[in-house]
Each structure stands twice: as structure tokens, then as C-alpha cells.
All heavy atoms as atom14 arrays in JSON, in Angstrom:
{
  "sequence": "KALILRSYGVGNAPQDKAILACLKKAQENEII",
  "atom14_mask": [
    [1, 1, 1, 1, 1, 1, 1, 1, 1, 0, 0, 0, 0, 0],
    [1, 1, 1, 1, 1, 0, 0, 0, 0, 0, 0, 0, 0, 0],
    [1, 1, 1, 1, 1, 1, 1, 1, 0, 0, 0, 0, 0, 0],
    [1, 1, 1, 1, 1, 1, 1, 1, 0, 0, 0, 0, 0, 0],
    [1, 1, 1, 1, 1, 1, 1, 1, 0, 0, 0, 0, 0, 0],
    [1, 1, 1, 1, 1, 1, 1, 1, 1, 1, 1, 0, 0, 0],
    [1, 1, 1, 1, 1, 1, 0, 0, 0, 0, 0, 0, 0, 0],
    [1, 1, 1, 1, 1, 1, 1, 1, 1, 1, 1, 1, 0, 0],
    [1, 1, 1, 1, 0, 0, 0, 0, 0, 0, 0, 0, 0, 0],
    [1, 1, 1, 1, 1, 1, 1, 0, 0, 0, 0, 0, 0, 0],
    [1, 1, 1, 1, 0, 0, 0, 0, 0, 0, 0, 0, 0, 0],
    [1, 1, 1, 1, 1, 1, 1, 1, 0, 0, 0, 0, 0, 0],
    [1, 1, 1, 1, 1, 0, 0, 0, 0, 0, 0, 0, 0, 0],
    [1, 1, 1, 1, 1, 1, 1, 0, 0, 0, 0, 0, 0, 0],
    [1, 1, 1, 1, 1, 1, 1, 1, 1, 0, 0, 0, 0, 0],
    [1, 1, 1, 1, 1, 1, 1, 1, 0, 0, 0, 0, 0, 0],
    [1, 1, 1, 1, 1, 1, 1, 1, 1, 0, 0, 0, 0, 0],
    [1, 1, 1, 1, 1, 0, 0, 0, 0, 0, 0, 0, 0, 0],
    [1, 1, 1, 1, 1, 1, 1, 1, 0, 0, 0, 0, 0, 0],
    [1, 1, 1, 1, 1, 1, 1, 1, 0, 0, 0, 0, 0, 0],
    [1, 1, 1, 1, 1, 0, 0, 0, 0, 0, 0, 0, 0, 0],
    [1, 1, 1, 1, 1, 1, 0, 0, 0, 0, 0, 0, 0, 0],
    [1, 1, 1, 1, 1, 1, 1, 1, 0, 0, 0, 0, 0, 0],
    [1, 1, 1, 1, 1, 1, 1, 1, 1, 0, 0, 0, 0, 0],
    [1, 1, 1, 1, 1, 1, 1, 1, 1, 0, 0, 0, 0, 0],
    [1, 1, 1, 1, 1, 0, 0, 0, 0, 0, 0, 0, 0, 0],
    [1, 1, 1, 1, 1, 1, 1, 1, 1, 0, 0, 0, 0, 0],
    [1, 1, 1, 1, 1, 1, 1, 1, 1, 0, 0, 0, 0, 0],
    [1, 1, 1, 1, 1, 1, 1, 1, 0, 0, 0, 0, 0, 0],
    [1, 1, 1, 1, 1, 1, 1, 1, 1, 0, 0, 0, 0, 0],
    [1, 1, 1, 1, 1, 1, 1, 1, 0, 0, 0, 0, 0, 0],
    [1, 1, 1, 1, 1, 1, 1, 1, 0, 0, 0, 0, 0, 0]
  ],
  "atom14_positions": [
    [[103.34, 94.47, 83.19], [103.92, 95.41, 82.21], [102.96, 96.54, 81.85], [103.36, 97.53, 81.25], [104.29, 94.65, 80.92], [105.44, 93.68, 81.07], [105.75, 93.07, 79.72], [106.82, 92.01, 79.81], [107.0, 91.34, 78.5], [0.0, 0.0, 0.0], [0.0, 0.0, 0.0], [0.0, 0.0, 0.0], [0.0, 0.0, 0.0], [0.0, 0.0, 0.0]],
    [[101.68, 96.35, 82.14], [100.7, 97.37, 81.79], [99.52, 97.3, 82.75], [99.25, 96.26, 83.34], [100.22, 97.18, 80.35], [0.0, 0.0, 0.0], [0.0, 0.0, 0.0], [0.0, 0.0, 0.0], [0.0, 0.0, 0.0], [0.0, 0.0, 0.0], [0.0, 0.0, 0.0], [0.0, 0.0, 0.0], [0.0, 0.0, 0.0], [0.0, 0.0, 0.0]],
    [[98.86, 98.43, 82.89], [97.68, 98.52, 83.74], [96.58, 99.25, 82.97], [96.83, 100.32, 82.39], [98.01, 99.29, 85.02], [96.81, 99.63, 85.93], [96.25, 98.38, 86.59], [97.21, 100.66, 86.99], [0.0, 0.0, 0.0], [0.0, 0.0, 0.0], [0.0, 0.0, 0.0], [0.0, 0.0, 0.0], [0.0, 0.0, 0.0], [0.0, 0.0, 0.0]],
    [[95.41, 98.67, 82.96], [94.24, 99.36, 82.39], [93.45, 99.9, 83.57], [93.02, 99.15, 84.45], [93.37, 98.41, 81.54], [94.19, 97.85, 80.37], [92.12, 99.13, 81.03], [93.5, 96.71, 79.61], [0.0, 0.0, 0.0], [0.0, 0.0, 0.0], [0.0, 0.0, 0.0], [0.0, 0.0, 0.0], [0.0, 0.0, 0.0], [0.0, 0.0, 0.0]],
    [[93.29, 101.2, 83.58], [92.57, 101.88, 84.65], [91.16, 102.17, 84.15], [90.98, 102.92, 83.19], [93.3, 103.2, 84.96], [93.16, 103.83, 86.33], [93.66, 102.9, 87.41], [93.93, 105.15, 86.36], [0.0, 0.0, 0.0], [0.0, 0.0, 0.0], [0.0, 0.0, 0.0], [0.0, 0.0, 0.0], [0.0, 0.0, 0.0], [0.0, 0.0, 0.0]],
    [[90.17, 101.58, 84.78], [88.79, 101.82, 84.37], [88.26, 102.99, 85.19], [87.86, 102.84, 86.34], [87.95, 100.56, 84.57], [88.56, 99.36, 83.84], [87.51, 98.42, 83.33], [86.71, 99.0, 82.28], [85.55, 98.51, 81.85], [85.07, 97.39, 82.38], [84.87, 99.09, 80.89], [0.0, 0.0, 0.0], [0.0, 0.0, 0.0], [0.0, 0.0, 0.0]],
    [[88.3, 104.15, 84.57], [88.04, 105.41, 85.28], [86.57, 105.82, 85.15], [85.77, 105.19, 84.47], [88.94, 106.49, 84.71], [88.65, 106.66, 83.33], [0.0, 0.0, 0.0], [0.0, 0.0, 0.0], [0.0, 0.0, 0.0], [0.0, 0.0, 0.0], [0.0, 0.0, 0.0], [0.0, 0.0, 0.0], [0.0, 0.0, 0.0], [0.0, 0.0, 0.0]],
    [[86.25, 106.93, 85.8], [84.88, 107.47, 85.74], [84.7, 108.34, 84.5], [85.64, 109.0, 84.05], [84.6, 108.35, 86.96], [84.84, 107.7, 88.31], [85.63, 108.34, 89.27], [84.26, 106.48, 88.64], [85.84, 107.77, 90.52], [84.47, 105.9, 89.89], [85.26, 106.55, 90.83], [85.46, 105.99, 92.06], [0.0, 0.0, 0.0], [0.0, 0.0, 0.0]],
    [[83.48, 108.35, 83.98], [83.09, 109.32, 82.95], [84.06, 109.45, 81.8], [84.37, 108.48, 81.11], [0.0, 0.0, 0.0], [0.0, 0.0, 0.0], [0.0, 0.0, 0.0], [0.0, 0.0, 0.0], [0.0, 0.0, 0.0], [0.0, 0.0, 0.0], [0.0, 0.0, 0.0], [0.0, 0.0, 0.0], [0.0, 0.0, 0.0], [0.0, 0.0, 0.0]],
    [[84.56, 110.67, 81.59], [85.46, 110.93, 80.46], [86.93, 110.69, 80.81], [87.83, 111.18, 80.14], [85.27, 112.36, 79.89], [83.91, 112.52, 79.24], [85.51, 113.42, 80.97], [0.0, 0.0, 0.0], [0.0, 0.0, 0.0], [0.0, 0.0, 0.0], [0.0, 0.0, 0.0], [0.0, 0.0, 0.0], [0.0, 0.0, 0.0], [0.0, 0.0, 0.0]],
    [[87.16, 109.92, 81.87], [88.54, 109.58, 82.22], [89.0, 110.18, 83.53], [90.18, 110.48, 83.71], [0.0, 0.0, 0.0], [0.0, 0.0, 0.0], [0.0, 0.0, 0.0], [0.0, 0.0, 0.0], [0.0, 0.0, 0.0], [0.0, 0.0, 0.0], [0.0, 0.0, 0.0], [0.0, 0.0, 0.0], [0.0, 0.0, 0.0], [0.0, 0.0, 0.0]],
    [[88.06, 110.35, 84.47], [88.4, 110.98, 85.75], [88.71, 109.94, 86.82], [88.19, 108.82, 86.79], [87.23, 111.86, 86.21], [86.94, 112.97, 85.21], [87.86, 113.58, 84.68], [85.67, 113.19, 84.92], [0.0, 0.0, 0.0], [0.0, 0.0, 0.0], [0.0, 0.0, 0.0], [0.0, 0.0, 0.0], [0.0, 0.0, 0.0], [0.0, 0.0, 0.0]],
    [[89.55, 110.36, 87.77], [89.92, 109.5, 88.89], [90.05, 110.38, 90.13], [90.21, 111.6, 90.01], [91.26, 108.81, 88.59], [0.0, 0.0, 0.0], [0.0, 0.0, 0.0], [0.0, 0.0, 0.0], [0.0, 0.0, 0.0], [0.0, 0.0, 0.0], [0.0, 0.0, 0.0], [0.0, 0.0, 0.0], [0.0, 0.0, 0.0], [0.0, 0.0, 0.0]],
    [[90.0, 109.79, 91.32], [90.14, 110.61, 92.52], [91.49, 111.34, 92.55], [92.5, 110.75, 92.2], [90.03, 109.62, 93.68], [89.96, 108.26, 93.09], [89.79, 108.37, 91.62], [0.0, 0.0, 0.0], [0.0, 0.0, 0.0], [0.0, 0.0, 0.0], [0.0, 0.0, 0.0], [0.0, 0.0, 0.0], [0.0, 0.0, 0.0], [0.0, 0.0, 0.0]],
    [[91.46, 112.58, 92.95], [92.72, 113.35, 93.07], [93.36, 113.04, 94.43], [93.56, 113.91, 95.26], [92.46, 114.84, 92.9], [92.47, 115.26, 91.44], [92.48, 116.76, 91.29], [91.63, 117.46, 91.83], [93.43, 117.3, 90.55], [0.0, 0.0, 0.0], [0.0, 0.0, 0.0], [0.0, 0.0, 0.0], [0.0, 0.0, 0.0], [0.0, 0.0, 0.0]],
    [[93.67, 111.79, 94.6], [94.28, 111.28, 95.83], [95.79, 111.24, 95.61], [96.27, 110.59, 94.68], [93.69, 109.88, 96.09], [94.28, 109.21, 97.31], [95.52, 109.08, 97.37], [93.5, 108.77, 98.17], [0.0, 0.0, 0.0], [0.0, 0.0, 0.0], [0.0, 0.0, 0.0], [0.0, 0.0, 0.0], [0.0, 0.0, 0.0], [0.0, 0.0, 0.0]],
    [[96.52, 111.95, 96.46], [97.97, 112.06, 96.24], [98.66, 110.71, 96.22], [99.58, 110.48, 95.43], [98.58, 112.94, 97.35], [98.36, 114.42, 97.1], [99.0, 115.27, 98.17], [98.7, 116.75, 97.92], [99.19, 117.58, 99.04], [0.0, 0.0, 0.0], [0.0, 0.0, 0.0], [0.0, 0.0, 0.0], [0.0, 0.0, 0.0], [0.0, 0.0, 0.0]],
    [[98.21, 109.8, 97.09], [98.85, 108.47, 97.16], [98.59, 107.68, 95.88], [99.48, 106.99, 95.37], [98.33, 107.71, 98.38], [0.0, 0.0, 0.0], [0.0, 0.0, 0.0], [0.0, 0.0, 0.0], [0.0, 0.0, 0.0], [0.0, 0.0, 0.0], [0.0, 0.0, 0.0], [0.0, 0.0, 0.0], [0.0, 0.0, 0.0], [0.0, 0.0, 0.0]],
    [[97.36, 107.79, 95.32], [97.04, 107.08, 94.06], [97.86, 107.66, 92.91], [98.44, 106.93, 92.11], [95.52, 107.16, 93.76], [94.75, 106.25, 94.73], [95.22, 106.76, 92.31], [93.24, 106.32, 94.61], [0.0, 0.0, 0.0], [0.0, 0.0, 0.0], [0.0, 0.0, 0.0], [0.0, 0.0, 0.0], [0.0, 0.0, 0.0], [0.0, 0.0, 0.0]],
    [[97.93, 108.99, 92.84], [98.7, 109.63, 91.77], [100.19, 109.29, 91.88], [100.85, 109.04, 90.86], [98.49, 111.15, 91.79], [97.06, 111.61, 91.42], [96.89, 113.1, 91.69], [96.72, 111.28, 89.98], [0.0, 0.0, 0.0], [0.0, 0.0, 0.0], [0.0, 0.0, 0.0], [0.0, 0.0, 0.0], [0.0, 0.0, 0.0], [0.0, 0.0, 0.0]],
    [[100.7, 109.22, 93.11], [102.11, 108.85, 93.31], [102.35, 107.41, 92.87], [103.39, 107.08, 92.28], [102.49, 109.03, 94.78], [0.0, 0.0, 0.0], [0.0, 0.0, 0.0], [0.0, 0.0, 0.0], [0.0, 0.0, 0.0], [0.0, 0.0, 0.0], [0.0, 0.0, 0.0], [0.0, 0.0, 0.0], [0.0, 0.0, 0.0], [0.0, 0.0, 0.0]],
    [[101.38, 106.55, 93.13], [101.46, 105.14, 92.74], [101.51, 105.02, 91.21], [102.31, 104.25, 90.65], [100.25, 104.42, 93.31], [100.2, 102.68, 92.98], [0.0, 0.0, 0.0], [0.0, 0.0, 0.0], [0.0, 0.0, 0.0], [0.0, 0.0, 0.0], [0.0, 0.0, 0.0], [0.0, 0.0, 0.0], [0.0, 0.0, 0.0], [0.0, 0.0, 0.0]],
    [[100.68, 105.8, 90.53], [100.64, 105.76, 89.06], [101.91, 106.37, 88.46], [102.4, 105.91, 87.43], [99.4, 106.49, 88.55], [98.05, 105.85, 88.93], [96.89, 106.76, 88.55], [97.89, 104.48, 88.28], [0.0, 0.0, 0.0], [0.0, 0.0, 0.0], [0.0, 0.0, 0.0], [0.0, 0.0, 0.0], [0.0, 0.0, 0.0], [0.0, 0.0, 0.0]],
    [[102.46, 107.38, 89.14], [103.72, 107.98, 88.69], [104.85, 106.96, 88.82], [105.72, 106.83, 87.95], [104.02, 109.24, 89.51], [105.17, 110.09, 88.96], [105.19, 111.45, 89.65], [106.13, 112.41, 88.96], [107.54, 112.05, 89.09], [0.0, 0.0, 0.0], [0.0, 0.0, 0.0], [0.0, 0.0, 0.0], [0.0, 0.0, 0.0], [0.0, 0.0, 0.0]],
    [[104.81, 106.19, 89.91], [105.83, 105.15, 90.12], [105.73, 104.09, 89.03], [106.75, 103.58, 88.54], [105.64, 104.53, 91.51], [106.75, 103.55, 91.9], [106.53, 103.0, 93.31], [105.61, 101.81, 93.29], [105.42, 101.18, 94.6], [0.0, 0.0, 0.0], [0.0, 0.0, 0.0], [0.0, 0.0, 0.0], [0.0, 0.0, 0.0], [0.0, 0.0, 0.0]],
    [[104.49, 103.77, 88.63], [104.29, 102.8, 87.54], [104.98, 103.27, 86.27], [105.68, 102.51, 85.6], [102.8, 102.59, 87.29], [0.0, 0.0, 0.0], [0.0, 0.0, 0.0], [0.0, 0.0, 0.0], [0.0, 0.0, 0.0], [0.0, 0.0, 0.0], [0.0, 0.0, 0.0], [0.0, 0.0, 0.0], [0.0, 0.0, 0.0], [0.0, 0.0, 0.0]],
    [[104.78, 104.54, 85.95], [105.41, 105.13, 84.76], [106.93, 105.05, 84.86], [107.62, 104.68, 83.9], [104.92, 106.6, 84.66], [105.8, 107.54, 83.89], [105.52, 107.53, 82.4], [104.66, 106.8, 81.92], [106.26, 108.3, 81.65], [0.0, 0.0, 0.0], [0.0, 0.0, 0.0], [0.0, 0.0, 0.0], [0.0, 0.0, 0.0], [0.0, 0.0, 0.0]],
    [[107.46, 105.35, 86.04], [108.92, 105.31, 86.24], [109.47, 103.88, 86.1], [110.6, 103.67, 85.69], [109.28, 105.89, 87.62], [109.13, 107.41, 87.67], [109.02, 107.96, 89.09], [109.08, 107.15, 90.06], [108.88, 109.19, 89.24], [0.0, 0.0, 0.0], [0.0, 0.0, 0.0], [0.0, 0.0, 0.0], [0.0, 0.0, 0.0], [0.0, 0.0, 0.0]],
    [[108.62, 102.91, 86.45], [109.01, 101.49, 86.32], [108.67, 100.92, 84.94], [108.69, 99.7, 84.74], [108.32, 100.64, 87.4], [108.84, 100.94, 88.79], [109.95, 101.45, 88.92], [108.05, 100.65, 89.8], [0.0, 0.0, 0.0], [0.0, 0.0, 0.0], [0.0, 0.0, 0.0], [0.0, 0.0, 0.0], [0.0, 0.0, 0.0], [0.0, 0.0, 0.0]],
    [[108.34, 101.82, 84.02], [108.0, 101.45, 82.63], [106.81, 100.48, 82.56], [106.79, 99.52, 81.8], [109.23, 100.89, 81.89], [110.34, 101.92, 81.76], [111.29, 101.66, 80.6], [111.37, 100.51, 80.13], [111.95, 102.64, 80.17], [0.0, 0.0, 0.0], [0.0, 0.0, 0.0], [0.0, 0.0, 0.0], [0.0, 0.0, 0.0], [0.0, 0.0, 0.0]],
    [[105.81, 100.78, 83.39], [104.52, 100.08, 83.31], [103.56, 101.04, 82.61], [103.35, 102.16, 83.09], [103.99, 99.69, 84.71], [104.94, 98.68, 85.37], [102.58, 99.13, 84.62], [104.68, 98.47, 86.85], [0.0, 0.0, 0.0], [0.0, 0.0, 0.0], [0.0, 0.0, 0.0], [0.0, 0.0, 0.0], [0.0, 0.0, 0.0], [0.0, 0.0, 0.0]],
    [[103.02, 100.63, 81.49], [102.12, 101.5, 80.72], [100.76, 101.52, 81.41], [100.19, 100.47, 81.69], [101.99, 100.98, 79.27], [103.32, 101.18, 78.54], [100.88, 101.68, 78.51], [103.62, 100.14, 77.55], [0.0, 0.0, 0.0], [0.0, 0.0, 0.0], [0.0, 0.0, 0.0], [0.0, 0.0, 0.0], [0.0, 0.0, 0.0], [0.0, 0.0, 0.0]]
  ]
}
């Protein structure tokens, strides 16, 4: 139901299209 993303620095993550698409899909599936 939820995912905690442990990111770099002030909240940065790789600008990888596949990763961003995966996170967008999580939001669409109502995963916080």
C-alpha cells in the first residue's frame, strides 16, 4: 500500500524514464 523511497541528498533520484514510469504507475494504483 505504500513505498518509502530512500533517496539521495535532499530527495534526488536517477532521472531514469523506466523508474519514473514505475513510480507513476504506483501512484495510479493508489500506492503512496
